[in-house]
Amino acid sequence: MAKWVDYKVIKKDVRIEDLLKRYNLLDQLTQRGDNFVGKCPIHKGTNPTQFHVSITKNNFNCFGDCHGGGNVIDFVAKMEGIEIRKAGMLIQDWFDIKAKRPSGEKEDSESVPVTKESVEEPPKKISAVLVKEKKQKNEPLKFALKSLDQEYPYLNERGLEKETIEYFEIGYCTKGMMKDRIAIPIHNSNGELLAYTGRWIGDPPDEETGKYKLPAGFLKSLEVYNLHRAKKEIGERGLIIVEGYFGCMNVWQAGFKNVVALQGSFLSEEQAELIVEAVGADGKVFLMFDEDEAGWKCRVDALDLLSKKVFVRTVELGKEGTQPDKLSKEEITTLLG
C-alpha cells in the first residue's frame, strides 16, 4: 500500500521559513517586514527582487522564469524537480510528520501542477468584503469646490510648480469640510468628479484628526487616482503606479505623465482591473512604491495581482524610507528613463 501523504497537515504545520533554512537560503534573501525577497533559487535567477516569500501567507512567488509560486509543498517540488506527492513524502520525512490514512480514504496519486493558481485561496472573509465593495459605486459629485487658493505656501514647500498645481486642480480650502486643508479632487476612470480628499497641512493637531480626510461613504479602493488623464499617455510606455497623491504629482512634474496613485499602500482587485483594462493585455506596469514596510508589502501583493495579466516591473528607490514625492527630477528620470 502506498504511503499516505497528509497535504492538509503539511500545509498547516510546516513553515516555509523552515524550508528556507533547510536549503540554506535565508542568508541569500533580504527580509522586508513579513516577506523575504531575493534572487530565485529555483531557476537560479539574477534579478534581486523577482523571488518573494510571504511568511504570513506561508507561500512563495517567482515573477521571473518560473512564472508562478505556491505553498510549501509546491516549493519543495520545484526545488527538487519532483512531483507534488513525492515532495509531500519528503517533507513528512524531514519534519517527522506521522501521517495516518483516514478510514475509507484512497491515496490520490495524481500530480498537481505547480503554478500560481496552487497558492491557497485567501480567507473567505476577505473575499466577502471584496464582493460587497464590487456591488457599490462612488457616485459623481454634483458640485465642485471654487476659489481654492493655488498659491498657498505649502504647495511650493512641497516643490510643486504652478503648472502641476493647475493641472491637478488642487488648492488650499478655507471653508466647508475641507477647511484648512489642501483639497485634492478625485475622478473615476471616465473623468467624472467623485470626491475631494483633504491633506492637513503639517502634523495633525490630535490623534482624531487624520492627515487625509475623505467624505463618509467614499470607497477609494474602487478608484485609481489620475487614471482618467494618465490612460491617454500610456502608449508603449506603460503605466507608473505610486502610492500617494503627491508622489503622483511629483513624478508627473518630472515629465512622466503616465502616472497614477493607489491612494494608499494597498491595491484592491477593483483597482487592478482598472489598471489592466487601461494598459491592455500586452501592456506594462511599473510599481514605484515607498521604501518602507507598507510599500514592500504592497509591492508583493500588487505583483501577485497584476503579473498574471500584464508585464510588471518593480522600481526600487534606494535606501529605506525613500518616497516618490521626495525625489528630484533627476532621480526620477534615472529610475524611470
Protein backbone atom coordinates (compact mmCIF):
# COMPACT_ATOMS: atom_id res chain seq x y z
CA MET A 1 0.00 0.00 0.00
CA ALA A 2 1.34 3.40 -0.96
CA LYS A 3 2.47 5.76 1.77
CA TRP A 4 -0.23 8.24 2.81
CA VAL A 5 0.55 11.93 2.35
CA ASP A 6 -1.45 14.33 4.51
CA TYR A 7 -1.31 17.52 2.47
CA LYS A 8 -3.51 19.48 4.88
CA VAL A 9 -1.27 18.74 7.86
CA ILE A 10 1.86 19.61 5.91
CA LYS A 11 0.49 22.98 4.76
CA LYS A 12 -0.77 23.70 8.27
CA ASP A 13 2.28 22.66 10.31
CA VAL A 14 5.30 23.26 8.09
CA ARG A 15 6.54 26.84 7.81
CA ILE A 16 8.11 27.98 4.58
CA GLU A 17 10.73 29.79 6.66
CA ASP A 18 11.90 26.41 7.97
CA LEU A 19 12.28 25.18 4.40
CA LEU A 20 14.36 28.24 3.54
CA LYS A 21 16.62 27.37 6.48
CA ARG A 22 16.88 23.76 5.33
CA TYR A 23 18.00 24.89 1.89
CA ASN A 24 20.39 27.47 3.45
CA LEU A 25 18.60 30.28 1.63
CA LEU A 26 17.91 32.76 4.43
CA ASP A 27 21.31 34.44 4.08
CA GLN A 28 20.69 34.91 0.37
CA LEU A 29 17.37 36.72 0.85
CA THR A 30 16.51 40.14 2.25
CA GLN A 31 13.82 40.37 4.89
CA ARG A 32 11.26 43.13 4.38
CA GLY A 33 8.70 43.03 7.12
CA ASP A 34 6.90 39.69 6.87
CA ASN A 35 8.43 38.93 3.48
CA PHE A 36 11.72 37.67 2.10
CA VAL A 37 12.91 38.96 -1.27
CA GLY A 38 15.82 37.94 -3.47
CA LYS A 39 17.08 36.03 -6.48
CA CYS A 40 15.06 32.95 -7.36
CA PRO A 41 16.80 29.80 -6.07
CA ILE A 42 14.62 27.59 -8.27
CA HIS A 43 15.60 28.79 -11.75
CA LYS A 44 18.80 30.45 -10.48
CA GLY A 45 17.67 33.92 -11.47
CA THR A 46 19.78 37.07 -11.26
CA ASN A 47 17.05 39.64 -10.56
CA PRO A 48 17.35 40.54 -6.84
CA THR A 49 13.62 41.21 -6.41
CA GLN A 50 11.84 38.58 -8.51
CA PHE A 51 11.53 35.93 -5.79
CA HIS A 52 9.14 36.67 -2.90
CA VAL A 53 8.31 34.62 0.17
CA SER A 54 5.39 35.57 2.43
CA ILE A 55 5.81 34.33 5.99
CA THR A 56 2.22 35.23 6.95
CA LYS A 57 0.67 33.54 3.89
CA ASN A 58 3.21 30.68 4.03
CA ASN A 59 3.79 30.75 0.29
CA PHE A 60 6.21 31.92 -2.39
CA ASN A 61 6.09 33.53 -5.81
CA CYS A 62 8.64 33.87 -8.59
CA PHE A 63 7.91 36.68 -11.01
CA GLY A 64 10.63 35.51 -13.39
CA ASP A 65 11.13 32.37 -15.44
CA CYS A 66 9.24 30.13 -13.00
CA HIS A 67 6.03 32.01 -13.82
CA GLY A 68 4.34 31.01 -10.59
CA GLY A 69 4.56 30.04 -6.99
CA GLY A 70 2.67 28.09 -4.40
CA ASN A 71 2.69 26.62 -0.91
CA VAL A 72 5.37 24.72 1.00
CA ILE A 73 4.78 21.50 -0.96
CA ASP A 74 5.00 23.33 -4.28
CA PHE A 75 8.26 24.93 -3.16
CA VAL A 76 9.94 21.60 -2.39
CA ALA A 77 8.58 20.09 -5.62
CA LYS A 78 10.16 22.87 -7.66
CA MET A 79 13.42 22.88 -5.71
CA GLU A 80 13.81 19.12 -6.07
CA GLY A 81 12.28 18.79 -9.54
CA ILE A 82 9.79 16.16 -8.39
CA GLU A 83 6.02 15.72 -8.41
CA ILE A 84 3.78 17.02 -5.63
CA ARG A 85 3.19 13.67 -3.92
CA LYS A 86 6.90 12.90 -3.69
CA ALA A 87 7.52 16.39 -2.33
CA GLY A 88 4.90 15.76 0.35
CA MET A 89 6.55 12.47 1.31
CA LEU A 90 9.93 14.18 1.50
CA ILE A 91 8.60 16.93 3.80
CA GLN A 92 6.96 14.36 6.07
CA ASP A 93 10.30 12.58 6.43
CA TRP A 94 12.19 15.82 7.07
CA PHE A 95 9.83 17.06 9.77
CA ASP A 96 8.87 13.65 11.19
CA ILE A 97 5.18 14.03 10.34
CA LYS A 98 3.29 10.81 11.09
CA ALA A 99 0.50 10.76 8.52
CA LYS A 100 -2.33 8.29 9.04
CA ARG A 101 -4.67 7.27 6.28
CA PRO A 102 -8.30 8.08 7.22
CA SER A 103 -10.58 5.06 7.13
CA GLY A 104 -12.22 4.66 3.74
CA GLU A 105 -9.82 7.07 2.02
CA LYS A 106 -7.82 6.11 -1.06
CA GLU A 107 -4.44 7.53 -1.90
CA ASP A 108 -4.62 10.22 -4.54
CA SER A 109 -1.52 9.72 -6.63
CA GLU A 110 -2.31 12.43 -9.12
CA SER A 111 0.36 15.05 -9.58
CA VAL A 112 -0.81 18.64 -9.09
CA PRO A 113 0.78 21.24 -11.43
CA VAL A 114 2.94 23.77 -9.61
CA THR A 115 1.56 27.12 -10.71
CA LYS A 116 0.49 30.39 -9.20
CA GLU A 117 -3.03 29.04 -9.00
CA SER A 118 -1.83 26.49 -6.44
CA VAL A 119 -1.36 29.26 -3.89
CA GLU A 120 -4.02 28.84 -1.24
CA GLU A 121 -7.15 30.91 -1.62
CA PRO A 122 -7.44 34.00 0.61
CA PRO A 123 -9.77 33.78 3.60
CA LYS A 124 -13.46 33.85 2.69
CA LYS A 125 -13.94 36.85 4.95
CA ILE A 126 -11.72 38.96 2.69
CA SER A 127 -13.45 37.70 -0.45
CA ALA A 128 -16.81 38.62 1.03
CA VAL A 129 -15.64 42.18 1.63
CA LEU A 130 -14.40 42.49 -1.95
CA VAL A 131 -17.68 41.13 -3.32
CA LYS A 132 -19.58 43.61 -1.19
CA GLU A 133 -17.49 46.52 -2.47
CA LYS A 134 -17.91 45.42 -6.08
CA LYS A 135 -21.64 45.97 -5.74
CA GLN A 136 -21.08 49.55 -4.66
CA LYS A 137 -20.21 52.58 -6.71
CA ASN A 138 -18.89 56.04 -5.98
CA GLU A 139 -21.47 58.45 -7.36
CA PRO A 140 -20.34 61.63 -9.16
CA LEU A 141 -20.38 64.87 -7.16
CA LYS A 142 -22.99 67.45 -8.04
CA PHE A 143 -20.68 70.35 -7.22
CA ALA A 144 -17.06 71.43 -7.48
CA LEU A 145 -15.09 73.46 -4.94
CA LYS A 146 -14.48 77.01 -6.07
CA SER A 147 -11.87 79.61 -5.14
CA LEU A 148 -9.21 77.17 -3.92
CA ASP A 149 -6.00 79.05 -3.12
CA GLN A 150 -3.45 77.67 -5.59
CA GLU A 151 -0.72 79.99 -4.36
CA TYR A 152 -0.77 78.75 -0.78
CA PRO A 153 2.85 78.47 0.52
CA TYR A 154 2.52 74.79 1.47
CA LEU A 155 2.25 73.81 -2.18
CA ASN A 156 5.54 75.50 -3.02
CA GLU A 157 7.10 73.93 0.04
CA ARG A 158 6.18 70.54 -1.43
CA GLY A 159 8.13 71.51 -4.53
CA LEU A 160 5.08 71.76 -6.78
CA GLU A 161 5.24 74.10 -9.75
CA LYS A 162 2.37 76.30 -10.95
CA GLU A 163 1.67 74.08 -13.97
CA THR A 164 1.41 71.00 -11.74
CA ILE A 165 -0.90 72.71 -9.25
CA GLU A 166 -3.22 73.87 -12.01
CA TYR A 167 -3.16 70.53 -13.83
CA PHE A 168 -4.23 68.58 -10.74
CA GLU A 169 -6.63 71.38 -9.72
CA ILE A 170 -5.51 71.40 -6.09
CA GLY A 171 -5.54 74.26 -3.63
CA TYR A 172 -6.00 75.42 -0.07
CA CYS A 173 -9.62 75.34 1.11
CA THR A 174 -10.93 77.98 3.50
CA LYS A 175 -14.41 76.65 4.26
CA GLY A 176 -16.57 73.54 4.39
CA MET A 177 -15.46 70.04 5.41
CA MET A 178 -12.05 70.56 3.78
CA LYS A 179 -11.40 73.80 5.67
CA ASP A 180 -7.71 74.37 6.44
CA ARG A 181 -6.68 71.51 4.16
CA ILE A 182 -5.28 71.16 0.67
CA ALA A 183 -8.24 69.93 -1.39
CA ILE A 184 -7.39 67.27 -3.98
CA PRO A 185 -10.12 66.27 -6.48
CA ILE A 186 -10.60 62.56 -7.22
CA HIS A 187 -12.13 61.38 -10.51
CA ASN A 188 -13.18 57.99 -11.82
CA SER A 189 -11.59 56.49 -14.93
CA ASN A 190 -14.14 58.31 -17.10
CA GLY A 191 -13.14 61.70 -15.70
CA GLU A 192 -16.22 62.27 -13.53
CA LEU A 193 -15.52 64.17 -10.29
CA LEU A 194 -16.34 61.87 -7.37
CA ALA A 195 -14.92 63.45 -4.24
CA TYR A 196 -12.27 65.61 -2.64
CA THR A 197 -9.67 64.43 -0.19
CA GLY A 198 -8.18 67.00 2.15
CA ARG A 199 -4.50 66.99 3.17
CA TRP A 200 -3.89 68.51 6.60
CA ILE A 201 -1.04 71.00 6.48
CA GLY A 202 1.78 69.98 8.75
CA ASP A 203 1.34 67.50 11.58
CA PRO A 204 -2.28 66.73 12.62
CA PRO A 205 -3.21 68.59 15.83
CA ASP A 206 -4.51 65.44 17.53
CA GLU A 207 -4.94 61.69 17.03
CA GLU A 208 -8.52 62.07 15.80
CA THR A 209 -7.53 64.48 13.04
CA GLY A 210 -6.12 62.36 10.24
CA LYS A 211 -3.55 63.54 7.76
CA TYR A 212 -6.05 62.91 4.96
CA LYS A 213 -9.80 63.38 5.11
CA LEU A 214 -12.30 61.71 2.78
CA PRO A 215 -16.10 62.05 2.63
CA ALA A 216 -18.06 59.42 4.54
CA GLY A 217 -19.02 56.50 2.32
CA PHE A 218 -16.41 57.15 -0.35
CA LEU A 219 -14.58 53.95 -1.33
CA LYS A 220 -11.10 54.81 -2.53
CA SER A 221 -10.46 51.11 -3.23
CA LEU A 222 -12.75 51.47 -6.26
CA GLU A 223 -10.73 54.24 -7.90
CA VAL A 224 -7.22 54.82 -9.24
CA TYR A 225 -6.12 58.42 -8.81
CA ASN A 226 -5.36 60.29 -12.06
CA LEU A 227 -6.20 57.29 -14.27
CA HIS A 228 -8.61 59.32 -16.39
CA ARG A 229 -5.71 61.50 -17.54
CA ALA A 230 -2.83 59.02 -17.41
CA LYS A 231 -4.52 56.42 -19.63
CA LYS A 232 -4.25 58.87 -22.53
CA GLU A 233 -0.48 58.96 -22.02
CA ILE A 234 0.22 55.22 -21.72
CA GLY A 235 1.10 54.28 -25.30
CA GLU A 236 4.12 51.96 -25.33
CA ARG A 237 5.49 53.43 -22.09
CA GLY A 238 3.09 51.63 -19.80
CA LEU A 239 1.65 52.90 -16.54
CA ILE A 240 3.61 54.04 -13.49
CA ILE A 241 1.93 53.35 -10.15
CA VAL A 242 2.80 55.11 -6.90
CA GLU A 243 1.07 55.10 -3.53
CA GLY A 244 0.20 58.71 -2.76
CA TYR A 245 -1.23 61.82 -4.37
CA PHE A 246 1.88 63.98 -4.00
CA GLY A 247 4.09 61.18 -5.28
CA CYS A 248 1.90 61.07 -8.38
CA MET A 249 2.19 64.83 -8.84
CA ASN A 250 5.97 64.79 -8.39
CA VAL A 251 6.51 62.02 -10.95
CA TRP A 252 4.17 63.83 -13.38
CA GLN A 253 6.12 67.04 -12.82
CA ALA A 254 9.33 65.20 -13.72
CA GLY A 255 7.90 64.58 -17.18
CA PHE A 256 6.23 61.20 -16.76
CA LYS A 257 2.57 61.91 -17.50
CA ASN A 258 1.61 58.22 -17.42
CA VAL A 259 1.46 58.02 -13.62
CA VAL A 260 -1.34 57.12 -11.21
CA ALA A 261 -1.71 56.57 -7.46
CA LEU A 262 -3.43 53.92 -5.35
CA GLN A 263 -4.31 56.47 -2.65
CA GLY A 264 -2.51 54.32 -0.11
CA SER A 265 -0.35 51.23 0.28
CA PHE A 266 -2.95 48.71 -0.90
CA LEU A 267 -4.04 47.54 -4.34
CA SER A 268 -7.60 46.24 -4.44
CA GLU A 269 -8.95 43.81 -7.03
CA GLU A 270 -11.11 46.59 -8.43
CA GLN A 271 -8.10 48.86 -8.89
CA ALA A 272 -6.16 46.02 -10.51
CA GLU A 273 -8.98 45.50 -13.01
CA LEU A 274 -8.98 49.20 -13.91
CA ILE A 275 -5.21 49.18 -14.40
CA VAL A 276 -5.24 46.07 -16.59
CA GLU A 277 -8.08 47.50 -18.66
CA ALA A 278 -6.16 50.74 -19.14
CA VAL A 279 -2.84 49.21 -20.26
CA GLY A 280 -4.28 46.30 -22.25
CA ALA A 281 -3.24 42.66 -22.44
CA ASP A 282 0.23 43.49 -23.79
CA GLY A 283 0.68 46.47 -21.51
CA LYS A 284 3.37 47.32 -18.99
CA VAL A 285 3.10 48.42 -15.38
CA PHE A 286 5.84 49.93 -13.22
CA LEU A 287 5.46 49.71 -9.44
CA MET A 288 7.13 52.67 -7.74
CA PHE A 289 6.18 52.27 -4.09
CA ASP A 290 7.65 53.72 -0.91
CA GLU A 291 10.71 52.00 0.53
CA ASP A 292 9.13 51.04 3.84
CA GLU A 293 7.34 48.02 5.27
CA ALA A 294 3.93 49.05 3.93
CA GLY A 295 5.38 49.74 0.49
CA TRP A 296 7.21 46.41 0.37
CA LYS A 297 4.05 44.52 1.27
CA CYS A 298 2.08 46.48 -1.32
CA ARG A 299 4.72 45.62 -3.92
CA VAL A 300 4.39 41.90 -3.23
CA ASP A 301 0.59 41.97 -3.28
CA ALA A 302 0.48 44.11 -6.44
CA LEU A 303 2.89 41.77 -8.21
CA ASP A 304 0.67 38.86 -7.27
CA LEU A 305 -2.46 40.55 -8.64
CA LEU A 306 -1.08 42.15 -11.79
CA SER A 307 1.67 39.86 -13.07
CA LYS A 308 -0.88 37.23 -14.07
CA LYS A 309 -2.27 39.58 -16.72
CA VAL A 310 0.35 42.20 -17.69
CA PHE A 311 4.10 42.76 -17.64
CA VAL A 312 5.15 44.18 -14.27
CA ARG A 313 8.43 45.76 -13.26
CA THR A 314 9.32 46.99 -9.79
CA VAL A 315 11.19 50.26 -9.43
CA GLU A 316 13.32 50.30 -6.30
CA LEU A 317 14.02 53.78 -4.99
CA GLY A 318 17.13 53.06 -2.97
CA LYS A 319 17.59 53.32 0.75
CA GLU A 320 14.82 52.60 3.23
CA GLY A 321 12.43 55.49 3.80
CA THR A 322 12.67 56.91 0.26
CA GLN A 323 9.37 58.05 -1.28
CA PRO A 324 8.48 59.22 -4.81
CA ASP A 325 7.24 62.61 -3.58
CA LYS A 326 10.70 63.38 -2.15
CA LEU A 327 12.71 62.54 -5.26
CA SER A 328 14.24 65.15 -7.55
CA LYS A 329 13.50 65.27 -11.28
CA GLU A 330 16.96 63.90 -11.97
CA GLU A 331 16.46 60.97 -9.60
CA ILE A 332 13.06 60.13 -11.10
CA THR A 333 14.46 60.29 -14.63
CA THR A 334 17.33 57.99 -13.67
CA LEU A 335 14.91 55.47 -12.18
CA LEU A 336 12.36 55.56 -15.00
CA GLY A 337 14.22 56.86 -18.02
